[in-house]
Amino acid sequence: MAAAPARSRLVIVGRKPVFRYVTASITLLNRGFKEVELVARGRNIPLCVDTVEMLRNSFKKDIKVKNISIWSEEFSMNGRPRRVSYIKIIIEQP
């Protein structure tokens, strides 16, 4: 498969149930992508980690975590500075 744009292999983890993101990740992997990026911010970071663990332990045991990145961004809300944490987990299958 030709190299696809990075956005097409991106799963943004939000407030939906974890199984939604597991299903989205499995769909991308079954479409031929070797890597899938899962990104979450703030209170959704634990859901992102749970998604990866559910994938690794229950569905696709050959999945490896390639990279984990964490960072925070600062922005102004109501005139006050706020920091929001982010996580990006890249998983790959052989």
N, C-alpha and C. Protein backbone atom coordinates (compact mmCIF):
# COMPACT_ATOMS: atom_id res chain seq x y z
N MET A 1 0.84 -1.18 0.00
CA MET A 1 0.00 0.00 0.00
C MET A 1 0.88 1.23 0.00
N ALA A 2 0.52 2.21 -0.74
CA ALA A 2 1.28 3.45 -0.83
C ALA A 2 1.23 4.21 0.49
N ALA A 3 2.21 5.05 0.70
CA ALA A 3 2.24 5.84 1.93
C ALA A 3 1.02 6.76 1.97
N ALA A 4 0.27 6.64 3.05
CA ALA A 4 -0.95 7.43 3.19
C ALA A 4 -0.67 8.65 4.05
N PRO A 5 -1.47 9.68 3.91
CA PRO A 5 -1.32 10.85 4.77
C PRO A 5 -1.48 10.46 6.23
N ALA A 6 -0.76 11.15 7.10
CA ALA A 6 -0.77 10.81 8.52
C ALA A 6 -2.16 10.94 9.13
N ARG A 7 -2.97 11.86 8.66
CA ARG A 7 -4.29 12.07 9.25
C ARG A 7 -5.20 10.85 9.08
N SER A 8 -4.99 10.09 8.03
CA SER A 8 -5.89 8.96 7.78
C SER A 8 -5.63 7.81 8.74
N ARG A 9 -4.52 7.84 9.45
CA ARG A 9 -4.24 6.79 10.42
C ARG A 9 -4.30 7.30 11.86
N LEU A 10 -5.01 8.38 12.06
CA LEU A 10 -5.10 9.04 13.35
C LEU A 10 -6.44 8.73 14.01
N VAL A 11 -6.38 8.34 15.30
CA VAL A 11 -7.58 8.14 16.10
C VAL A 11 -7.51 9.14 17.25
N ILE A 12 -8.47 10.05 17.30
CA ILE A 12 -8.52 11.04 18.37
C ILE A 12 -9.46 10.52 19.44
N VAL A 13 -8.90 10.25 20.61
CA VAL A 13 -9.66 9.66 21.71
C VAL A 13 -10.36 10.78 22.47
N GLY A 14 -11.67 10.64 22.61
CA GLY A 14 -12.48 11.63 23.31
C GLY A 14 -13.26 11.00 24.45
N ARG A 15 -14.54 11.37 24.56
CA ARG A 15 -15.36 10.93 25.68
C ARG A 15 -16.23 9.72 25.40
N LYS A 16 -16.14 9.16 24.22
CA LYS A 16 -16.96 7.99 23.90
C LYS A 16 -16.41 6.76 24.61
N PRO A 17 -17.17 5.68 24.62
CA PRO A 17 -16.67 4.45 25.26
C PRO A 17 -15.40 3.95 24.57
N VAL A 18 -14.55 3.31 25.36
CA VAL A 18 -13.25 2.84 24.88
C VAL A 18 -13.39 1.93 23.67
N PHE A 19 -14.43 1.11 23.65
CA PHE A 19 -14.57 0.14 22.57
C PHE A 19 -14.72 0.82 21.21
N ARG A 20 -15.24 2.03 21.16
CA ARG A 20 -15.33 2.77 19.89
C ARG A 20 -13.94 3.01 19.30
N TYR A 21 -13.00 3.37 20.15
CA TYR A 21 -11.65 3.67 19.69
C TYR A 21 -10.88 2.38 19.37
N VAL A 22 -11.18 1.32 20.11
CA VAL A 22 -10.59 0.01 19.79
C VAL A 22 -11.05 -0.42 18.40
N THR A 23 -12.34 -0.28 18.13
CA THR A 23 -12.89 -0.66 16.83
C THR A 23 -12.28 0.19 15.71
N ALA A 24 -12.15 1.48 15.93
CA ALA A 24 -11.55 2.36 14.92
C ALA A 24 -10.10 1.96 14.64
N SER A 25 -9.36 1.63 15.68
CA SER A 25 -7.96 1.24 15.51
C SER A 25 -7.84 -0.08 14.76
N ILE A 26 -8.68 -1.05 15.11
CA ILE A 26 -8.66 -2.35 14.42
C ILE A 26 -9.02 -2.17 12.96
N THR A 27 -9.99 -1.31 12.67
CA THR A 27 -10.38 -1.05 11.28
C THR A 27 -9.20 -0.50 10.48
N LEU A 28 -8.48 0.46 11.05
CA LEU A 28 -7.32 1.02 10.35
C LEU A 28 -6.23 -0.02 10.13
N LEU A 29 -5.98 -0.84 11.14
CA LEU A 29 -4.97 -1.88 10.99
C LEU A 29 -5.37 -2.91 9.94
N ASN A 30 -6.66 -3.25 9.90
CA ASN A 30 -7.13 -4.22 8.91
C ASN A 30 -7.15 -3.65 7.50
N ARG A 31 -7.16 -2.33 7.36
CA ARG A 31 -7.11 -1.70 6.04
C ARG A 31 -5.70 -1.67 5.46
N GLY A 32 -4.74 -2.12 6.23
CA GLY A 32 -3.38 -2.21 5.71
C GLY A 32 -2.39 -1.23 6.30
N PHE A 33 -2.82 -0.39 7.21
CA PHE A 33 -1.88 0.53 7.84
C PHE A 33 -1.00 -0.25 8.81
N LYS A 34 0.29 -0.01 8.75
CA LYS A 34 1.23 -0.66 9.67
C LYS A 34 1.28 0.06 11.01
N GLU A 35 0.98 1.36 10.99
CA GLU A 35 1.01 2.16 12.21
C GLU A 35 -0.30 2.92 12.37
N VAL A 36 -0.72 3.08 13.62
CA VAL A 36 -1.89 3.89 13.95
C VAL A 36 -1.50 4.80 15.11
N GLU A 37 -1.88 6.07 15.00
CA GLU A 37 -1.62 7.04 16.06
C GLU A 37 -2.89 7.28 16.86
N LEU A 38 -2.79 7.17 18.17
CA LEU A 38 -3.90 7.51 19.06
C LEU A 38 -3.50 8.75 19.85
N VAL A 39 -4.35 9.77 19.81
CA VAL A 39 -4.04 11.04 20.46
C VAL A 39 -5.18 11.39 21.40
N ALA A 40 -4.82 11.89 22.59
CA ALA A 40 -5.82 12.34 23.56
C ALA A 40 -5.26 13.52 24.32
N ARG A 41 -6.17 14.28 24.93
CA ARG A 41 -5.73 15.40 25.75
C ARG A 41 -6.53 15.46 27.03
N GLY A 42 -5.92 16.02 28.05
CA GLY A 42 -6.60 16.26 29.32
C GLY A 42 -7.12 15.00 29.98
N ARG A 43 -8.39 15.05 30.35
CA ARG A 43 -9.01 13.94 31.07
C ARG A 43 -9.21 12.69 30.23
N ASN A 44 -8.98 12.78 28.95
CA ASN A 44 -9.16 11.62 28.07
C ASN A 44 -7.88 10.79 27.92
N ILE A 45 -6.80 11.21 28.53
CA ILE A 45 -5.54 10.46 28.43
C ILE A 45 -5.69 9.04 28.96
N PRO A 46 -6.33 8.81 30.12
CA PRO A 46 -6.49 7.42 30.57
C PRO A 46 -7.28 6.55 29.59
N LEU A 47 -8.25 7.13 28.88
CA LEU A 47 -9.00 6.37 27.88
C LEU A 47 -8.10 5.94 26.73
N CYS A 48 -7.16 6.79 26.37
CA CYS A 48 -6.22 6.46 25.30
C CYS A 48 -5.34 5.28 25.72
N VAL A 49 -4.84 5.33 26.94
CA VAL A 49 -4.02 4.23 27.45
C VAL A 49 -4.84 2.95 27.55
N ASP A 50 -6.08 3.04 28.04
CA ASP A 50 -6.95 1.87 28.12
C ASP A 50 -7.22 1.28 26.74
N THR A 51 -7.37 2.13 25.74
CA THR A 51 -7.61 1.66 24.37
C THR A 51 -6.43 0.83 23.89
N VAL A 52 -5.23 1.33 24.08
CA VAL A 52 -4.04 0.60 23.64
C VAL A 52 -3.90 -0.71 24.40
N GLU A 53 -4.13 -0.69 25.69
CA GLU A 53 -4.01 -1.92 26.48
C GLU A 53 -5.07 -2.94 26.09
N MET A 54 -6.28 -2.49 25.80
CA MET A 54 -7.32 -3.41 25.36
C MET A 54 -6.96 -4.03 24.01
N LEU A 55 -6.41 -3.22 23.12
CA LEU A 55 -5.96 -3.73 21.82
C LEU A 55 -4.89 -4.79 22.01
N ARG A 56 -3.90 -4.50 22.83
CA ARG A 56 -2.76 -5.40 23.00
C ARG A 56 -3.14 -6.68 23.73
N ASN A 57 -4.00 -6.58 24.72
CA ASN A 57 -4.29 -7.74 25.56
C ASN A 57 -5.46 -8.58 25.09
N SER A 58 -6.40 -8.00 24.37
CA SER A 58 -7.62 -8.73 24.03
C SER A 58 -7.80 -9.03 22.56
N PHE A 59 -7.32 -8.16 21.68
CA PHE A 59 -7.68 -8.30 20.27
C PHE A 59 -6.50 -8.68 19.38
N LYS A 60 -5.47 -7.89 19.39
CA LYS A 60 -4.32 -8.13 18.50
C LYS A 60 -3.08 -8.22 19.37
N LYS A 61 -2.71 -9.43 19.69
CA LYS A 61 -1.60 -9.63 20.62
C LYS A 61 -0.24 -9.31 20.03
N ASP A 62 -0.15 -9.17 18.70
CA ASP A 62 1.13 -8.88 18.06
C ASP A 62 1.40 -7.38 17.93
N ILE A 63 0.52 -6.54 18.44
CA ILE A 63 0.71 -5.09 18.36
C ILE A 63 1.81 -4.65 19.32
N LYS A 64 2.66 -3.78 18.83
CA LYS A 64 3.74 -3.22 19.64
C LYS A 64 3.54 -1.71 19.76
N VAL A 65 3.92 -1.18 20.91
CA VAL A 65 3.91 0.27 21.09
C VAL A 65 5.23 0.80 20.54
N LYS A 66 5.15 1.58 19.49
CA LYS A 66 6.35 2.09 18.83
C LYS A 66 6.89 3.33 19.53
N ASN A 67 5.99 4.23 19.92
CA ASN A 67 6.43 5.49 20.52
C ASN A 67 5.31 6.07 21.37
N ILE A 68 5.70 6.72 22.45
CA ILE A 68 4.76 7.46 23.30
C ILE A 68 5.32 8.87 23.47
N SER A 69 4.52 9.86 23.13
CA SER A 69 4.93 11.26 23.29
C SER A 69 3.94 11.96 24.21
N ILE A 70 4.48 12.76 25.11
CA ILE A 70 3.62 13.58 25.97
C ILE A 70 4.11 15.02 25.90
N TRP A 71 3.18 15.94 25.97
CA TRP A 71 3.51 17.35 25.97
C TRP A 71 2.32 18.12 26.52
N SER A 72 2.52 19.40 26.73
CA SER A 72 1.41 20.25 27.16
C SER A 72 1.45 21.55 26.37
N GLU A 73 0.29 22.13 26.22
CA GLU A 73 0.16 23.40 25.53
C GLU A 73 -0.53 24.39 26.46
N GLU A 74 -0.11 25.63 26.35
CA GLU A 74 -0.70 26.67 27.18
C GLU A 74 -1.56 27.57 26.31
N PHE A 75 -2.74 27.89 26.81
CA PHE A 75 -3.61 28.83 26.12
C PHE A 75 -4.37 29.62 27.17
N SER A 76 -5.05 30.66 26.72
CA SER A 76 -5.74 31.56 27.64
C SER A 76 -7.23 31.27 27.62
N MET A 77 -7.80 31.09 28.80
CA MET A 77 -9.24 30.88 28.92
C MET A 77 -9.77 31.87 29.95
N ASN A 78 -10.67 32.73 29.51
CA ASN A 78 -11.22 33.78 30.37
C ASN A 78 -10.12 34.68 30.94
N GLY A 79 -9.10 34.92 30.13
CA GLY A 79 -8.02 35.80 30.55
C GLY A 79 -7.00 35.14 31.46
N ARG A 80 -7.17 33.86 31.76
CA ARG A 80 -6.24 33.15 32.63
C ARG A 80 -5.50 32.09 31.82
N PRO A 81 -4.21 31.95 32.04
CA PRO A 81 -3.47 30.91 31.31
C PRO A 81 -3.86 29.51 31.81
N ARG A 82 -4.01 28.59 30.87
CA ARG A 82 -4.34 27.19 31.19
C ARG A 82 -3.36 26.29 30.46
N ARG A 83 -3.01 25.19 31.07
CA ARG A 83 -2.16 24.20 30.43
C ARG A 83 -2.98 22.93 30.25
N VAL A 84 -2.87 22.35 29.07
CA VAL A 84 -3.56 21.10 28.76
C VAL A 84 -2.52 20.08 28.34
N SER A 85 -2.56 18.91 28.95
CA SER A 85 -1.63 17.84 28.63
C SER A 85 -2.14 17.02 27.46
N TYR A 86 -1.21 16.50 26.67
CA TYR A 86 -1.52 15.67 25.51
C TYR A 86 -0.70 14.39 25.58
N ILE A 87 -1.20 13.34 24.94
CA ILE A 87 -0.44 12.12 24.76
C ILE A 87 -0.69 11.61 23.35
N LYS A 88 0.37 11.09 22.74
CA LYS A 88 0.25 10.45 21.44
C LYS A 88 0.95 9.10 21.54
N ILE A 89 0.20 8.04 21.27
CA ILE A 89 0.74 6.69 21.29
C ILE A 89 0.69 6.14 19.87
N ILE A 90 1.84 5.72 19.37
CA ILE A 90 1.90 5.13 18.04
C ILE A 90 2.06 3.62 18.22
N ILE A 91 1.10 2.88 17.66
CA ILE A 91 1.18 1.42 17.71
C ILE A 91 1.47 0.90 16.31
N GLU A 92 2.10 -0.26 16.25
CA GLU A 92 2.40 -0.87 14.96
C GLU A 92 2.17 -2.36 15.04
N GLN A 93 1.88 -2.92 13.89
CA GLN A 93 1.78 -4.38 13.80
C GLN A 93 2.79 -4.85 12.76
N PRO A 94 3.39 -6.01 13.01
CA PRO A 94 4.40 -6.52 12.07
C PRO A 94 3.81 -6.90 10.73
